[in-house]
Amino acid sequence: MSSDMSPTKMLIIMVDETDMWEDVPLYEAIIRRLVRHDIAGATALAGIMGYGIHGKIHRRGLFGVSDDRPVAVLSVDTEDKLRAALPDIRPMVREGVMFLTDVEVVPISGN
């Protein structure tokens, strides 16, 4: 992360596992876009179960096959850098929700 005084934030983007952007999964396209914006880090996590504004439950289906599971893309960097990436990311997310929240980065021993 940059050394400026901008607060550290986490951008959380909730999408469905089956959402696509062009010919790749949406969560992958979002992470690739975050890389282009030089965001410090991002991870896509598959949810076990969830629901959104429509009330439809999303979960892992029979034999572990996807039943449109929720996926959370978490990215951390300064507020300025994440806000600068938002105009590029926003049009990609047709359904879902985005959160921009304060975080405290806890140093790991040896870092």
N, C-alpha and C. Protein backbone atom coordinates (compact mmCIF):
# COMPACT_ATOMS: atom_id res chain seq x y z
N MET A 1 0.84 -1.17 0.00
CA MET A 1 0.00 0.00 0.00
C MET A 1 0.88 1.23 0.00
N SER A 2 0.34 2.29 -0.56
CA SER A 2 1.13 3.50 -0.65
C SER A 2 1.33 4.12 0.73
N SER A 3 2.32 4.99 0.81
CA SER A 3 2.67 5.56 2.10
C SER A 3 1.96 6.87 2.39
N ASP A 4 0.97 7.26 1.56
CA ASP A 4 0.28 8.52 1.84
C ASP A 4 -0.61 8.36 3.08
N MET A 5 -1.27 9.43 3.47
CA MET A 5 -2.04 9.42 4.70
C MET A 5 -3.50 9.01 4.48
N SER A 6 -3.84 8.54 3.30
CA SER A 6 -5.20 8.10 3.01
C SER A 6 -5.53 6.88 3.89
N PRO A 7 -6.73 6.84 4.47
CA PRO A 7 -7.08 5.70 5.34
C PRO A 7 -7.09 4.38 4.56
N THR A 8 -6.79 3.30 5.25
CA THR A 8 -6.87 1.97 4.65
C THR A 8 -8.33 1.54 4.65
N LYS A 9 -8.78 1.03 3.51
CA LYS A 9 -10.16 0.60 3.34
C LYS A 9 -10.18 -0.81 2.76
N MET A 10 -11.34 -1.45 2.91
CA MET A 10 -11.59 -2.73 2.26
C MET A 10 -12.81 -2.55 1.37
N LEU A 11 -12.64 -2.92 0.10
CA LEU A 11 -13.75 -2.95 -0.83
C LEU A 11 -14.23 -4.38 -0.90
N ILE A 12 -15.50 -4.60 -0.59
CA ILE A 12 -16.10 -5.93 -0.63
C ILE A 12 -17.18 -5.90 -1.72
N ILE A 13 -17.06 -6.81 -2.67
CA ILE A 13 -18.01 -6.88 -3.77
C ILE A 13 -18.65 -8.27 -3.73
N MET A 14 -19.97 -8.30 -3.57
CA MET A 14 -20.70 -9.57 -3.53
C MET A 14 -21.35 -9.82 -4.89
N VAL A 15 -21.04 -10.97 -5.49
CA VAL A 15 -21.61 -11.36 -6.77
C VAL A 15 -22.00 -12.84 -6.69
N ASP A 16 -22.58 -13.34 -7.75
CA ASP A 16 -22.90 -14.77 -7.83
C ASP A 16 -21.79 -15.50 -8.59
N GLU A 17 -21.54 -16.72 -8.20
CA GLU A 17 -20.48 -17.51 -8.82
C GLU A 17 -20.67 -17.66 -10.33
N THR A 18 -21.90 -17.69 -10.79
CA THR A 18 -22.18 -17.90 -12.21
C THR A 18 -22.21 -16.60 -13.01
N ASP A 19 -22.07 -15.44 -12.37
CA ASP A 19 -22.03 -14.17 -13.10
C ASP A 19 -20.80 -14.14 -13.99
N MET A 20 -20.98 -13.65 -15.20
CA MET A 20 -19.88 -13.60 -16.17
C MET A 20 -19.63 -12.16 -16.61
N TRP A 21 -18.40 -11.88 -17.02
CA TRP A 21 -18.04 -10.63 -17.66
C TRP A 21 -17.27 -11.03 -18.91
N GLU A 22 -17.88 -10.74 -20.06
CA GLU A 22 -17.35 -11.20 -21.33
C GLU A 22 -17.25 -12.72 -21.26
N ASP A 23 -16.06 -13.30 -21.31
CA ASP A 23 -15.99 -14.77 -21.34
C ASP A 23 -15.35 -15.37 -20.09
N VAL A 24 -15.26 -14.59 -19.00
CA VAL A 24 -14.66 -15.10 -17.76
C VAL A 24 -15.61 -14.86 -16.59
N PRO A 25 -15.45 -15.64 -15.52
CA PRO A 25 -16.27 -15.39 -14.33
C PRO A 25 -16.07 -13.94 -13.85
N LEU A 26 -17.15 -13.31 -13.42
CA LEU A 26 -17.11 -11.91 -13.01
C LEU A 26 -16.09 -11.68 -11.91
N TYR A 27 -16.03 -12.58 -10.91
CA TYR A 27 -15.08 -12.38 -9.82
C TYR A 27 -13.64 -12.35 -10.34
N GLU A 28 -13.33 -13.16 -11.33
CA GLU A 28 -11.99 -13.16 -11.93
C GLU A 28 -11.74 -11.86 -12.69
N ALA A 29 -12.72 -11.42 -13.45
CA ALA A 29 -12.58 -10.17 -14.20
C ALA A 29 -12.38 -8.99 -13.26
N ILE A 30 -13.08 -8.98 -12.13
CA ILE A 30 -12.92 -7.90 -11.15
C ILE A 30 -11.50 -7.91 -10.59
N ILE A 31 -11.01 -9.08 -10.21
CA ILE A 31 -9.65 -9.15 -9.65
C ILE A 31 -8.62 -8.71 -10.69
N ARG A 32 -8.80 -9.12 -11.92
CA ARG A 32 -7.86 -8.69 -12.97
C ARG A 32 -7.91 -7.17 -13.15
N ARG A 33 -9.07 -6.58 -13.03
CA ARG A 33 -9.21 -5.13 -13.13
C ARG A 33 -8.54 -4.44 -11.94
N LEU A 34 -8.67 -5.02 -10.75
CA LEU A 34 -8.01 -4.46 -9.56
C LEU A 34 -6.50 -4.51 -9.70
N VAL A 35 -5.97 -5.57 -10.31
CA VAL A 35 -4.53 -5.66 -10.56
C VAL A 35 -4.09 -4.50 -11.45
N ARG A 36 -4.87 -4.21 -12.49
CA ARG A 36 -4.53 -3.10 -13.41
C ARG A 36 -4.51 -1.76 -12.69
N HIS A 37 -5.31 -1.65 -11.63
CA HIS A 37 -5.35 -0.42 -10.84
C HIS A 37 -4.29 -0.43 -9.73
N ASP A 38 -3.45 -1.45 -9.72
CA ASP A 38 -2.36 -1.55 -8.75
C ASP A 38 -2.87 -1.56 -7.31
N ILE A 39 -4.01 -2.22 -7.09
CA ILE A 39 -4.56 -2.37 -5.74
C ILE A 39 -3.67 -3.36 -4.99
N ALA A 40 -3.43 -3.09 -3.70
CA ALA A 40 -2.46 -3.85 -2.91
C ALA A 40 -2.77 -5.34 -2.86
N GLY A 41 -4.03 -5.74 -2.78
CA GLY A 41 -4.35 -7.16 -2.73
C GLY A 41 -5.84 -7.40 -2.88
N ALA A 42 -6.19 -8.57 -3.41
CA ALA A 42 -7.59 -8.95 -3.56
C ALA A 42 -7.71 -10.46 -3.49
N THR A 43 -8.83 -10.92 -2.97
CA THR A 43 -9.11 -12.34 -2.84
C THR A 43 -10.58 -12.58 -3.15
N ALA A 44 -10.88 -13.66 -3.86
CA ALA A 44 -12.26 -14.07 -4.10
C ALA A 44 -12.54 -15.26 -3.19
N LEU A 45 -13.61 -15.16 -2.40
CA LEU A 45 -14.00 -16.22 -1.48
C LEU A 45 -15.39 -16.73 -1.86
N ALA A 46 -15.53 -18.04 -2.02
CA ALA A 46 -16.83 -18.63 -2.33
C ALA A 46 -17.61 -18.86 -1.04
N GLY A 47 -18.84 -18.40 -1.03
CA GLY A 47 -19.70 -18.58 0.12
C GLY A 47 -20.37 -19.95 0.12
N ILE A 48 -20.71 -20.41 1.29
CA ILE A 48 -21.43 -21.68 1.42
C ILE A 48 -22.90 -21.47 1.13
N MET A 49 -23.43 -20.34 1.61
CA MET A 49 -24.85 -20.06 1.45
C MET A 49 -25.08 -18.58 1.67
N GLY A 50 -26.07 -18.01 1.00
CA GLY A 50 -26.41 -16.62 1.22
C GLY A 50 -27.64 -16.23 0.43
N TYR A 51 -28.11 -15.00 0.66
CA TYR A 51 -29.21 -14.47 -0.14
C TYR A 51 -29.07 -12.96 -0.18
N GLY A 52 -29.74 -12.36 -1.15
CA GLY A 52 -29.66 -10.92 -1.34
C GLY A 52 -31.03 -10.29 -1.38
N ILE A 53 -31.12 -9.17 -2.05
CA ILE A 53 -32.34 -8.36 -2.06
C ILE A 53 -33.55 -9.12 -2.61
N HIS A 54 -33.32 -10.08 -3.51
CA HIS A 54 -34.44 -10.82 -4.10
C HIS A 54 -34.93 -11.96 -3.21
N GLY A 55 -34.20 -12.26 -2.15
CA GLY A 55 -34.60 -13.31 -1.22
C GLY A 55 -34.32 -14.72 -1.70
N LYS A 56 -33.68 -14.87 -2.87
CA LYS A 56 -33.35 -16.20 -3.39
C LYS A 56 -32.12 -16.72 -2.66
N ILE A 57 -32.22 -17.92 -2.12
CA ILE A 57 -31.09 -18.52 -1.40
C ILE A 57 -30.13 -19.12 -2.41
N HIS A 58 -28.86 -18.79 -2.26
CA HIS A 58 -27.77 -19.31 -3.09
C HIS A 58 -26.94 -20.25 -2.22
N ARG A 59 -26.63 -21.42 -2.76
CA ARG A 59 -25.86 -22.38 -1.98
C ARG A 59 -25.20 -23.38 -2.89
N ARG A 60 -24.30 -24.18 -2.28
CA ARG A 60 -23.69 -25.28 -3.01
C ARG A 60 -24.77 -26.34 -3.22
N GLY A 61 -24.90 -26.82 -4.42
CA GLY A 61 -25.95 -27.77 -4.75
C GLY A 61 -25.54 -29.21 -4.53
N LEU A 62 -26.31 -30.10 -5.06
CA LEU A 62 -26.12 -31.53 -4.95
C LEU A 62 -24.74 -31.93 -5.48
N PHE A 63 -24.04 -32.76 -4.76
CA PHE A 63 -22.72 -33.27 -5.12
C PHE A 63 -21.68 -32.16 -5.28
N GLY A 64 -21.90 -31.02 -4.60
CA GLY A 64 -20.94 -29.93 -4.64
C GLY A 64 -21.00 -29.08 -5.89
N VAL A 65 -21.96 -29.37 -6.78
CA VAL A 65 -22.10 -28.58 -8.00
C VAL A 65 -22.73 -27.25 -7.63
N SER A 66 -22.23 -26.19 -8.23
CA SER A 66 -22.69 -24.84 -7.90
C SER A 66 -24.18 -24.67 -8.15
N ASP A 67 -24.84 -24.05 -7.19
CA ASP A 67 -26.22 -23.61 -7.35
C ASP A 67 -26.20 -22.09 -7.24
N ASP A 68 -25.23 -21.48 -7.98
CA ASP A 68 -25.12 -20.02 -7.99
C ASP A 68 -24.68 -19.48 -6.63
N ARG A 69 -23.63 -20.08 -6.08
CA ARG A 69 -23.14 -19.66 -4.77
C ARG A 69 -22.73 -18.19 -4.76
N PRO A 70 -22.80 -17.56 -3.59
CA PRO A 70 -22.29 -16.19 -3.47
C PRO A 70 -20.76 -16.20 -3.47
N VAL A 71 -20.18 -15.16 -4.07
CA VAL A 71 -18.73 -14.97 -4.07
C VAL A 71 -18.47 -13.55 -3.58
N ALA A 72 -17.55 -13.44 -2.64
CA ALA A 72 -17.12 -12.13 -2.14
C ALA A 72 -15.72 -11.86 -2.66
N VAL A 73 -15.56 -10.70 -3.31
CA VAL A 73 -14.23 -10.23 -3.72
C VAL A 73 -13.82 -9.18 -2.69
N LEU A 74 -12.75 -9.46 -1.96
CA LEU A 74 -12.26 -8.53 -0.94
C LEU A 74 -10.96 -7.93 -1.43
N SER A 75 -10.86 -6.60 -1.37
CA SER A 75 -9.62 -5.94 -1.77
C SER A 75 -9.30 -4.86 -0.75
N VAL A 76 -8.01 -4.68 -0.50
CA VAL A 76 -7.55 -3.73 0.52
C VAL A 76 -6.49 -2.81 -0.08
N ASP A 77 -6.67 -1.52 0.17
CA ASP A 77 -5.68 -0.53 -0.21
C ASP A 77 -6.11 0.79 0.42
N THR A 78 -5.51 1.87 -0.02
CA THR A 78 -5.91 3.17 0.50
C THR A 78 -7.27 3.54 -0.07
N GLU A 79 -7.96 4.40 0.64
CA GLU A 79 -9.26 4.86 0.17
C GLU A 79 -9.16 5.50 -1.21
N ASP A 80 -8.13 6.33 -1.41
CA ASP A 80 -7.98 7.02 -2.69
C ASP A 80 -7.85 6.04 -3.85
N LYS A 81 -7.03 5.00 -3.68
CA LYS A 81 -6.83 4.04 -4.77
C LYS A 81 -8.07 3.22 -5.04
N LEU A 82 -8.77 2.80 -3.98
CA LEU A 82 -9.99 2.01 -4.19
C LEU A 82 -11.08 2.86 -4.84
N ARG A 83 -11.23 4.10 -4.40
CA ARG A 83 -12.23 4.98 -5.01
C ARG A 83 -11.90 5.27 -6.48
N ALA A 84 -10.61 5.35 -6.80
CA ALA A 84 -10.21 5.56 -8.19
C ALA A 84 -10.55 4.36 -9.07
N ALA A 85 -10.57 3.16 -8.49
CA ALA A 85 -10.90 1.94 -9.25
C ALA A 85 -12.41 1.76 -9.42
N LEU A 86 -13.20 2.35 -8.55
CA LEU A 86 -14.65 2.13 -8.57
C LEU A 86 -15.32 2.44 -9.91
N PRO A 87 -15.01 3.54 -10.59
CA PRO A 87 -15.68 3.80 -11.87
C PRO A 87 -15.43 2.72 -12.91
N ASP A 88 -14.32 2.01 -12.80
CA ASP A 88 -14.00 0.93 -13.73
C ASP A 88 -14.69 -0.38 -13.32
N ILE A 89 -14.94 -0.55 -12.03
CA ILE A 89 -15.53 -1.79 -11.51
C ILE A 89 -17.05 -1.74 -11.51
N ARG A 90 -17.61 -0.59 -11.15
CA ARG A 90 -19.07 -0.45 -10.99
C ARG A 90 -19.87 -0.98 -12.18
N PRO A 91 -19.54 -0.64 -13.42
CA PRO A 91 -20.34 -1.13 -14.56
C PRO A 91 -20.31 -2.65 -14.73
N MET A 92 -19.33 -3.31 -14.15
CA MET A 92 -19.21 -4.76 -14.27
C MET A 92 -20.22 -5.49 -13.39
N VAL A 93 -20.65 -4.86 -12.31
CA VAL A 93 -21.52 -5.51 -11.33
C VAL A 93 -22.95 -5.09 -11.60
N ARG A 94 -23.69 -5.95 -12.29
CA ARG A 94 -25.09 -5.64 -12.63
C ARG A 94 -26.03 -5.95 -11.47
N GLU A 95 -25.72 -7.01 -10.73
CA GLU A 95 -26.47 -7.36 -9.53
C GLU A 95 -25.44 -7.71 -8.46
N GLY A 96 -25.79 -7.43 -7.24
CA GLY A 96 -24.87 -7.67 -6.15
C GLY A 96 -24.82 -6.43 -5.29
N VAL A 97 -23.78 -6.33 -4.51
CA VAL A 97 -23.65 -5.18 -3.62
C VAL A 97 -22.16 -4.94 -3.39
N MET A 98 -21.82 -3.67 -3.15
CA MET A 98 -20.44 -3.30 -2.85
C MET A 98 -20.41 -2.53 -1.54
N PHE A 99 -19.38 -2.80 -0.75
CA PHE A 99 -19.17 -2.10 0.52
C PHE A 99 -17.76 -1.52 0.50
N LEU A 100 -17.60 -0.33 1.01
CA LEU A 100 -16.28 0.26 1.23
C LEU A 100 -16.22 0.59 2.70
N THR A 101 -15.37 -0.10 3.42
CA THR A 101 -15.35 0.01 4.87
C THR A 101 -13.94 0.23 5.40
N ASP A 102 -13.86 0.84 6.57
CA ASP A 102 -12.57 1.04 7.24
C ASP A 102 -12.01 -0.29 7.70
N VAL A 103 -10.70 -0.44 7.60
CA VAL A 103 -10.03 -1.61 8.15
C VAL A 103 -8.74 -1.17 8.83
N GLU A 104 -8.29 -1.99 9.73
CA GLU A 104 -6.98 -1.79 10.35
C GLU A 104 -6.10 -2.95 9.94
N VAL A 105 -5.01 -2.65 9.31
CA VAL A 105 -4.06 -3.69 8.91
C VAL A 105 -3.21 -4.03 10.12
N VAL A 106 -3.25 -5.29 10.51
CA VAL A 106 -2.51 -5.74 11.68
C VAL A 106 -1.20 -6.36 11.20
N PRO A 107 -0.07 -5.80 11.59
CA PRO A 107 1.21 -6.35 11.13
C PRO A 107 1.41 -7.77 11.66
N ILE A 108 1.97 -8.61 10.80
CA ILE A 108 2.30 -9.98 11.19
C ILE A 108 3.76 -9.97 11.63
N SER A 109 4.08 -10.73 12.63
CA SER A 109 5.45 -10.81 13.13
C SER A 109 6.42 -11.08 12.00
N GLY A 110 7.48 -10.30 11.92
CA GLY A 110 8.49 -10.48 10.89
C GLY A 110 8.26 -9.62 9.67
N ASN A 111 7.11 -8.95 9.59
CA ASN A 111 6.81 -8.08 8.43
C ASN A 111 6.97 -6.63 8.82
